[in-house]
Amino acid sequence: QEMLGPDHIETAQAFSRLARILENSGRLVEAEQFYLSALRVKEKLYGPDHPEMVDQLRQMASFWSKQGRKSEKKRIG
């Protein structure tokens, strides 16, 4: 983030990778924050209908579903 800036696609991809690592380590609160950060960057760069954005939304839905958080999953479809 410091090298490329907060609104760079590689920053968003790094956030997503880190979120998966944290999720797999059981650090769910931190993982969610990184998933959401990736989502915000991708939405800003691409808009809501871009395939990268759709993929990030699927990752969020899967993350929430694994935790039994159906209301959040339903919110993003």
PDB file of N, CA and C in Angstrom:
ATOM      1  N   GLN A   1       0.826  -1.185   0.000  1.00  0.00           N
ATOM      2  CA  GLN A   1       0.000   0.000   0.000  1.00  0.00           C
ATOM      3  C   GLN A   1       0.870   1.248   0.000  1.00  0.00           C
ATOM      4  N   GLU A   2       1.945   1.223   0.764  1.00  0.00           N
ATOM      5  CA  GLU A   2       2.831   2.387   0.808  1.00  0.00           C
ATOM      6  C   GLU A   2       3.520   2.619  -0.527  1.00  0.00           C
ATOM      7  N   MET A   3       3.871   1.543  -1.222  1.00  0.00           N
ATOM      8  CA  MET A   3       4.587   1.678  -2.484  1.00  0.00           C
ATOM      9  C   MET A   3       3.657   2.054  -3.635  1.00  0.00           C
ATOM     10  N   LEU A   4       2.501   1.407  -3.704  1.00  0.00           N
ATOM     11  CA  LEU A   4       1.621   1.589  -4.849  1.00  0.00           C
ATOM     12  C   LEU A   4       0.463   2.537  -4.595  1.00  0.00           C
ATOM     13  N   GLY A   5       0.169   2.776  -3.338  1.00  0.00           N
ATOM     14  CA  GLY A   5      -0.951   3.632  -2.984  1.00  0.00           C
ATOM     15  C   GLY A   5      -2.169   2.808  -2.603  1.00  0.00           C
ATOM     16  N   PRO A   6      -3.113   3.440  -1.935  1.00  0.00           N
ATOM     17  CA  PRO A   6      -4.276   2.709  -1.424  1.00  0.00           C
ATOM     18  C   PRO A   6      -5.279   2.312  -2.496  1.00  0.00           C
ATOM     19  N   ASP A   7      -5.219   2.934  -3.669  1.00  0.00           N
ATOM     20  CA  ASP A   7      -6.210   2.677  -4.710  1.00  0.00           C
ATOM     21  C   ASP A   7      -5.614   1.998  -5.936  1.00  0.00           C
ATOM     22  N   HIS A   8      -4.713   1.087  -5.716  1.00  0.00           N
ATOM     23  CA  HIS A   8      -4.062   0.351  -6.800  1.00  0.00           C
ATOM     24  C   HIS A   8      -4.570  -1.088  -6.788  1.00  0.00           C
ATOM     25  N   ILE A   9      -4.727  -1.689  -7.962  1.00  0.00           N
ATOM     26  CA  ILE A   9      -5.260  -3.047  -8.035  1.00  0.00           C
ATOM     27  C   ILE A   9      -4.375  -4.045  -7.297  1.00  0.00           C
ATOM     28  N   GLU A  10      -3.082  -3.866  -7.354  1.00  0.00           N
ATOM     29  CA  GLU A  10      -2.198  -4.798  -6.644  1.00  0.00           C
ATOM     30  C   GLU A  10      -2.360  -4.672  -5.131  1.00  0.00           C
ATOM     31  N   THR A  11      -2.711  -3.494  -4.659  1.00  0.00           N
ATOM     32  CA  THR A  11      -3.006  -3.315  -3.241  1.00  0.00           C
ATOM     33  C   THR A  11      -4.253  -4.109  -2.882  1.00  0.00           C
ATOM     34  N   ALA A  12      -5.283  -4.016  -3.720  1.00  0.00           N
ATOM     35  CA  ALA A  12      -6.525  -4.774  -3.484  1.00  0.00           C
ATOM     36  C   ALA A  12      -6.260  -6.275  -3.507  1.00  0.00           C
ATOM     37  N   GLN A  13      -5.456  -6.721  -4.440  1.00  0.00           N
ATOM     38  CA  GLN A  13      -5.142  -8.149  -4.529  1.00  0.00           C
ATOM     39  C   GLN A  13      -4.353  -8.611  -3.309  1.00  0.00           C
ATOM     40  N   ALA A  14      -3.457  -7.776  -2.828  1.00  0.00           N
ATOM     41  CA  ALA A  14      -2.708  -8.115  -1.612  1.00  0.00           C
ATOM     42  C   ALA A  14      -3.643  -8.190  -0.411  1.00  0.00           C
ATOM     43  N   PHE A  15      -4.610  -7.263  -0.333  1.00  0.00           N
ATOM     44  CA  PHE A  15      -5.604  -7.312   0.742  1.00  0.00           C
ATOM     45  C   PHE A  15      -6.371  -8.632   0.693  1.00  0.00           C
ATOM     46  N   SER A  16      -6.771  -9.055  -0.493  1.00  0.00           N
ATOM     47  CA  SER A  16      -7.523 -10.312  -0.640  1.00  0.00           C
ATOM     48  C   SER A  16      -6.694 -11.518  -0.209  1.00  0.00           C
ATOM     49  N   ARG A  17      -5.439 -11.546  -0.634  1.00  0.00           N
ATOM     50  CA  ARG A  17      -4.562 -12.665  -0.244  1.00  0.00           C
ATOM     51  C   ARG A  17      -4.353 -12.699   1.259  1.00  0.00           C
ATOM     52  N   LEU A  18      -4.103 -11.540   1.843  1.00  0.00           N
ATOM     53  CA  LEU A  18      -3.906 -11.469   3.285  1.00  0.00           C
ATOM     54  C   LEU A  18      -5.177 -11.878   4.021  1.00  0.00           C
ATOM     55  N   ALA A  19      -6.319 -11.470   3.517  1.00  0.00           N
ATOM     56  CA  ALA A  19      -7.595 -11.847   4.141  1.00  0.00           C
ATOM     57  C   ALA A  19      -7.763 -13.365   4.163  1.00  0.00           C
ATOM     58  N   ARG A  20      -7.427 -14.029   3.057  1.00  0.00           N
ATOM     59  CA  ARG A  20      -7.542 -15.500   3.015  1.00  0.00           C
ATOM     60  C   ARG A  20      -6.589 -16.156   4.014  1.00  0.00           C
ATOM     61  N   ILE A  21      -5.379 -15.629   4.110  1.00  0.00           N
ATOM     62  CA  ILE A  21      -4.407 -16.170   5.065  1.00  0.00           C
ATOM     63  C   ILE A  21      -4.930 -16.013   6.489  1.00  0.00           C
ATOM     64  N   LEU A  22      -5.423 -14.823   6.800  1.00  0.00           N
ATOM     65  CA  LEU A  22      -5.955 -14.575   8.139  1.00  0.00           C
ATOM     66  C   LEU A  22      -7.177 -15.448   8.424  1.00  0.00           C
ATOM     67  N   GLU A  23      -8.047 -15.592   7.428  1.00  0.00           N
ATOM     68  CA  GLU A  23      -9.218 -16.442   7.597  1.00  0.00           C
ATOM     69  C   GLU A  23      -8.797 -17.881   7.893  1.00  0.00           C
ATOM     70  N   ASN A  24      -7.845 -18.382   7.140  1.00  0.00           N
ATOM     71  CA  ASN A  24      -7.368 -19.754   7.348  1.00  0.00           C
ATOM     72  C   ASN A  24      -6.668 -19.925   8.685  1.00  0.00           C
ATOM     73  N   SER A  25      -6.190 -18.825   9.243  1.00  0.00           N
ATOM     74  CA  SER A  25      -5.532 -18.854  10.554  1.00  0.00           C
ATOM     75  C   SER A  25      -6.521 -18.648  11.697  1.00  0.00           C
ATOM     76  N   GLY A  26      -7.797 -18.453  11.339  1.00  0.00           N
ATOM     77  CA  GLY A  26      -8.815 -18.254  12.364  1.00  0.00           C
ATOM     78  C   GLY A  26      -8.920 -16.823  12.868  1.00  0.00           C
ATOM     79  N   ARG A  27      -8.244 -15.913  12.227  1.00  0.00           N
ATOM     80  CA  ARG A  27      -8.271 -14.498  12.638  1.00  0.00           C
ATOM     81  C   ARG A  27      -9.349 -13.787  11.818  1.00  0.00           C
ATOM     82  N   LEU A  28     -10.602 -14.088  12.150  1.00  0.00           N
ATOM     83  CA  LEU A  28     -11.731 -13.704  11.313  1.00  0.00           C
ATOM     84  C   LEU A  28     -12.025 -12.208  11.314  1.00  0.00           C
ATOM     85  N   VAL A  29     -11.868 -11.553  12.433  1.00  0.00           N
ATOM     86  CA  VAL A  29     -12.139 -10.110  12.482  1.00  0.00           C
ATOM     87  C   VAL A  29     -11.168  -9.371  11.571  1.00  0.00           C
ATOM     88  N   GLU A  30      -9.905  -9.731  11.668  1.00  0.00           N
ATOM     89  CA  GLU A  30      -8.898  -9.099  10.812  1.00  0.00           C
ATOM     90  C   GLU A  30      -9.124  -9.463   9.349  1.00  0.00           C
ATOM     91  N   ALA A  31      -9.459 -10.704   9.092  1.00  0.00           N
ATOM     92  CA  ALA A  31      -9.709 -11.150   7.721  1.00  0.00           C
ATOM     93  C   ALA A  31     -10.837 -10.344   7.098  1.00  0.00           C
ATOM     94  N   GLU A  32     -11.901 -10.157   7.844  1.00  0.00           N
ATOM     95  CA  GLU A  32     -13.043  -9.409   7.310  1.00  0.00           C
ATOM     96  C   GLU A  32     -12.642  -7.983   6.939  1.00  0.00           C
ATOM     97  N   GLN A  33     -11.824  -7.363   7.752  1.00  0.00           N
ATOM     98  CA  GLN A  33     -11.388  -5.994   7.456  1.00  0.00           C
ATOM     99  C   GLN A  33     -10.595  -5.933   6.148  1.00  0.00           C
ATOM    100  N   PHE A  34      -9.750  -6.920   5.916  1.00  0.00           N
ATOM    101  CA  PHE A  34      -8.984  -6.936   4.669  1.00  0.00           C
ATOM    102  C   PHE A  34      -9.864  -7.269   3.476  1.00  0.00           C
ATOM    103  N   TYR A  35     -10.828  -8.177   3.640  1.00  0.00           N
ATOM    104  CA  TYR A  35     -11.781  -8.445   2.556  1.00  0.00           C
ATOM    105  C   TYR A  35     -12.536  -7.166   2.195  1.00  0.00           C
ATOM    106  N   LEU A  36     -12.989  -6.440   3.205  1.00  0.00           N
ATOM    107  CA  LEU A  36     -13.734  -5.207   2.957  1.00  0.00           C
ATOM    108  C   LEU A  36     -12.851  -4.135   2.319  1.00  0.00           C
ATOM    109  N   SER A  37     -11.597  -4.074   2.718  1.00  0.00           N
ATOM    110  CA  SER A  37     -10.669  -3.118   2.106  1.00  0.00           C
ATOM    111  C   SER A  37     -10.470  -3.429   0.628  1.00  0.00           C
ATOM    112  N   ALA A  38     -10.307  -4.697   0.313  1.00  0.00           N
ATOM    113  CA  ALA A  38     -10.165  -5.105  -1.088  1.00  0.00           C
ATOM    114  C   ALA A  38     -11.422  -4.751  -1.871  1.00  0.00           C
ATOM    115  N   LEU A  39     -12.555  -4.981  -1.270  1.00  0.00           N
ATOM    116  CA  LEU A  39     -13.829  -4.672  -1.911  1.00  0.00           C
ATOM    117  C   LEU A  39     -13.934  -3.177  -2.220  1.00  0.00           C
ATOM    118  N   ARG A  40     -13.584  -2.343  -1.267  1.00  0.00           N
ATOM    119  CA  ARG A  40     -13.659  -0.887  -1.468  1.00  0.00           C
ATOM    120  C   ARG A  40     -12.740  -0.423  -2.597  1.00  0.00           C
ATOM    121  N   VAL A  41     -11.518  -0.942  -2.624  1.00  0.00           N
ATOM    122  CA  VAL A  41     -10.571  -0.540  -3.664  1.00  0.00           C
ATOM    123  C   VAL A  41     -11.075  -0.981  -5.036  1.00  0.00           C
ATOM    124  N   LYS A  42     -11.516  -2.229  -5.140  1.00  0.00           N
ATOM    125  CA  LYS A  42     -11.987  -2.730  -6.434  1.00  0.00           C
ATOM    126  C   LYS A  42     -13.233  -1.989  -6.904  1.00  0.00           C
ATOM    127  N   GLU A  43     -14.111  -1.666  -5.984  1.00  0.00           N
ATOM    128  CA  GLU A  43     -15.308  -0.929  -6.386  1.00  0.00           C
ATOM    129  C   GLU A  43     -14.934   0.462  -6.900  1.00  0.00           C
ATOM    130  N   LYS A  44     -13.980   1.084  -6.244  1.00  0.00           N
ATOM    131  CA  LYS A  44     -13.539   2.412  -6.670  1.00  0.00           C
ATOM    132  C   LYS A  44     -12.870   2.356  -8.045  1.00  0.00           C
ATOM    133  N   LEU A  45     -12.071   1.321  -8.277  1.00  0.00           N
ATOM    134  CA  LEU A  45     -11.350   1.199  -9.544  1.00  0.00           C
ATOM    135  C   LEU A  45     -12.239   0.755 -10.695  1.00  0.00           C
ATOM    136  N   TYR A  46     -13.137  -0.185 -10.428  1.00  0.00           N
ATOM    137  CA  TYR A  46     -13.857  -0.851 -11.511  1.00  0.00           C
ATOM    138  C   TYR A  46     -15.350  -0.555 -11.595  1.00  0.00           C
ATOM    139  N   GLY A  47     -15.951  -0.157 -10.491  1.00  0.00           N
ATOM    140  CA  GLY A  47     -17.402  -0.035 -10.478  1.00  0.00           C
ATOM    141  C   GLY A  47     -18.036  -1.362 -10.080  1.00  0.00           C
ATOM    142  N   PRO A  48     -19.344  -1.371  -9.880  1.00  0.00           N
ATOM    143  CA  PRO A  48     -20.005  -2.539  -9.284  1.00  0.00           C
ATOM    144  C   PRO A  48     -20.173  -3.755 -10.186  1.00  0.00           C
ATOM    145  N   ASP A  49     -20.092  -3.610 -11.503  1.00  0.00           N
ATOM    146  CA  ASP A  49     -20.415  -4.723 -12.398  1.00  0.00           C
ATOM    147  C   ASP A  49     -19.206  -5.405 -13.036  1.00  0.00           C
ATOM    148  N   HIS A  50     -18.034  -4.984 -12.704  1.00  0.00           N
ATOM    149  CA  HIS A  50     -16.814  -5.567 -13.277  1.00  0.00           C
ATOM    150  C   HIS A  50     -16.585  -6.968 -12.712  1.00  0.00           C
ATOM    151  N   PRO A  51     -16.050  -7.897 -13.517  1.00  0.00           N
ATOM    152  CA  PRO A  51     -15.787  -9.264 -13.025  1.00  0.00           C
ATOM    153  C   PRO A  51     -14.917  -9.324 -11.763  1.00  0.00           C
ATOM    154  N   GLU A  52     -13.946  -8.431 -11.631  1.00  0.00           N
ATOM    155  CA  GLU A  52     -13.111  -8.413 -10.421  1.00  0.00           C
ATOM    156  C   GLU A  52     -13.959  -8.088  -9.196  1.00  0.00           C
ATOM    157  N   MET A  53     -14.901  -7.192  -9.378  1.00  0.00           N
ATOM    158  CA  MET A  53     -15.794  -6.809  -8.285  1.00  0.00           C
ATOM    159  C   MET A  53     -16.727  -7.960  -7.931  1.00  0.00           C
ATOM    160  N   VAL A  54     -17.250  -8.608  -8.945  1.00  0.00           N
ATOM    161  CA  VAL A  54     -18.138  -9.755  -8.725  1.00  0.00           C
ATOM    162  C   VAL A  54     -17.398 -10.856  -7.972  1.00  0.00           C
ATOM    163  N   ASP A  55     -16.153 -11.113  -8.360  1.00  0.00           N
ATOM    164  CA  ASP A  55     -15.348 -12.132  -7.679  1.00  0.00           C
ATOM    165  C   ASP A  55     -15.122 -11.762  -6.219  1.00  0.00           C
ATOM    166  N   GLN A  56     -14.850 -10.501  -5.951  1.00  0.00           N
ATOM    167  CA  GLN A  56     -14.631 -10.067  -4.567  1.00  0.00           C
ATOM    168  C   GLN A  56     -15.908 -10.211  -3.746  1.00  0.00           C
ATOM    169  N   LEU A  57     -17.045  -9.907  -4.349  1.00  0.00           N
ATOM    170  CA  LEU A  57     -18.318 -10.079  -3.656  1.00  0.00           C
ATOM    171  C   LEU A  57     -18.576 -11.553  -3.343  1.00  0.00           C
ATOM    172  N   ARG A  58     -18.203 -12.426  -4.254  1.00  0.00           N
ATOM    173  CA  ARG A  58     -18.341 -13.878  -4.001  1.00  0.00           C
ATOM    174  C   ARG A  58     -17.460 -14.306  -2.830  1.00  0.00           C
ATOM    175  N   GLN A  59     -16.257 -13.763  -2.771  1.00  0.00           N
ATOM    176  CA  GLN A  59     -15.366 -14.092  -1.653  1.00  0.00           C
ATOM    177  C   GLN A  59     -15.980 -13.644  -0.332  1.00  0.00           C
ATOM    178  N   MET A  60     -16.554 -12.444  -0.320  1.00  0.00           N
ATOM    179  CA  MET A  60     -17.196 -11.941   0.898  1.00  0.00           C
ATOM    180  C   MET A  60     -18.379 -12.826   1.282  1.00  0.00           C
ATOM    181  N   ALA A  61     -19.203 -13.180   0.302  1.00  0.00           N
ATOM    182  CA  ALA A  61     -20.373 -14.021   0.568  1.00  0.00           C
ATOM    183  C   ALA A  61     -19.942 -15.375   1.122  1.00  0.00           C
ATOM    184  N   SER A  62     -18.892 -15.942   0.570  1.00  0.00           N
ATOM    185  CA  SER A  62     -18.383 -17.221   1.058  1.00  0.00           C
ATOM    186  C   SER A  62     -17.858 -17.088   2.485  1.00  0.00           C
ATOM    187  N   PHE A  63     -17.127 -16.033   2.740  1.00  0.00           N
ATOM    188  CA  PHE A  63     -16.581 -15.772   4.077  1.00  0.00           C
ATOM    189  C   PHE A  63     -17.714 -15.700   5.094  1.00  0.00           C
ATOM    190  N   TRP A  64     -18.740 -14.906   4.796  1.00  0.00           N
ATOM    191  CA  TRP A  64     -19.858 -14.754   5.718  1.00  0.00           C
ATOM    192  C   TRP A  64     -20.661 -16.041   5.858  1.00  0.00           C
ATOM    193  N   SER A  65     -20.815 -16.762   4.765  1.00  0.00           N
ATOM    194  CA  SER A  65     -21.573 -18.015   4.799  1.00  0.00           C
ATOM    195  C   SER A  65     -20.898 -19.038   5.711  1.00  0.00           C
ATOM    196  N   LYS A  66     -19.586 -19.122   5.647  1.00  0.00           N
ATOM    197  CA  LYS A  66     -18.840 -20.056   6.499  1.00  0.00           C
ATOM    198  C   LYS A  66     -19.035 -19.751   7.976  1.00  0.00           C
ATOM    199  N   GLN A  67     -19.349 -18.496   8.281  1.00  0.00           N
ATOM    200  CA  GLN A  67     -19.557 -18.092   9.664  1.00  0.00           C
ATOM    201  C   GLN A  67     -21.033 -18.123  10.060  1.00  0.00           C
ATOM    202  N   GLY A  68     -21.883 -18.509   9.124  1.00  0.00           N
ATOM    203  CA  GLY A  68     -23.305 -18.540   9.410  1.00  0.00           C
ATOM    204  C   GLY A  68     -23.955 -17.170   9.422  1.00  0.00           C
ATOM    205  N   ARG A  69     -23.320 -16.222   8.791  1.00  0.00           N
ATOM    206  CA  ARG A  69     -23.833 -14.846   8.766  1.00  0.00           C
ATOM    207  C   ARG A  69     -24.626 -14.627   7.483  1.00  0.00           C
ATOM    208  N   LYS A  70     -25.791 -15.226   7.436  1.00  0.00           N
ATOM    209  CA  LYS A  70     -26.611 -15.207   6.219  1.00  0.00           C
ATOM    210  C   LYS A  70     -27.132 -13.817   5.880  1.00  0.00           C
ATOM    211  N   SER A  71     -27.370 -12.956   6.876  1.00  0.00           N
ATOM    212  CA  SER A  71     -27.925 -11.631   6.583  1.00  0.00           C
ATOM    213  C   SER A  71     -26.946 -10.800   5.755  1.00  0.00           C
ATOM    214  N   GLU A  72     -25.660 -10.878   6.069  1.00  0.00           N
ATOM    215  CA  GLU A  72     -24.668 -10.143   5.276  1.00  0.00           C
ATOM    216  C   GLU A  72     -24.589 -10.714   3.872  1.00  0.00           C
ATOM    217  N   LYS A  73     -24.624 -12.038   3.779  1.00  0.00           N
ATOM    218  CA  LYS A  73     -24.561 -12.680   2.464  1.00  0.00           C
ATOM    219  C   LYS A  73     -25.744 -12.244   1.593  1.00  0.00           C
ATOM    220  N   LYS A  74     -26.927 -12.217   2.180  1.00  0.00           N
ATOM    221  CA  LYS A  74     -28.114 -11.815   1.424  1.00  0.00           C
ATOM    222  C   LYS A  74     -28.023 -10.364   0.959  1.00  0.00           C
ATOM    223  N   ARG A  75     -27.392  -9.539   1.758  1.00  0.00           N
ATOM    224  CA  ARG A  75     -27.272  -8.115   1.423  1.00  0.00           C
ATOM    225  C   ARG A  75     -26.535  -7.894   0.122  1.00  0.00           C
ATOM    226  N   ILE A  76     -25.553  -8.749  -0.190  1.00  0.00           N
ATOM    227  CA  ILE A  76     -24.788  -8.559  -1.434  1.00  0.00           C
ATOM    228  C   ILE A  76     -25.248  -9.500  -2.521  1.00  0.00           C
ATOM    229  N   GLY A  77     -26.206 -10.357  -2.216  1.00  0.00           N
ATOM    230  CA  GLY A  77     -26.757 -11.240  -3.234  1.00  0.00           C
ATOM    231  C   GLY A  77     -25.903 -12.445  -3.418  1.00  0.00           C
TER     232      GLY A  77
END
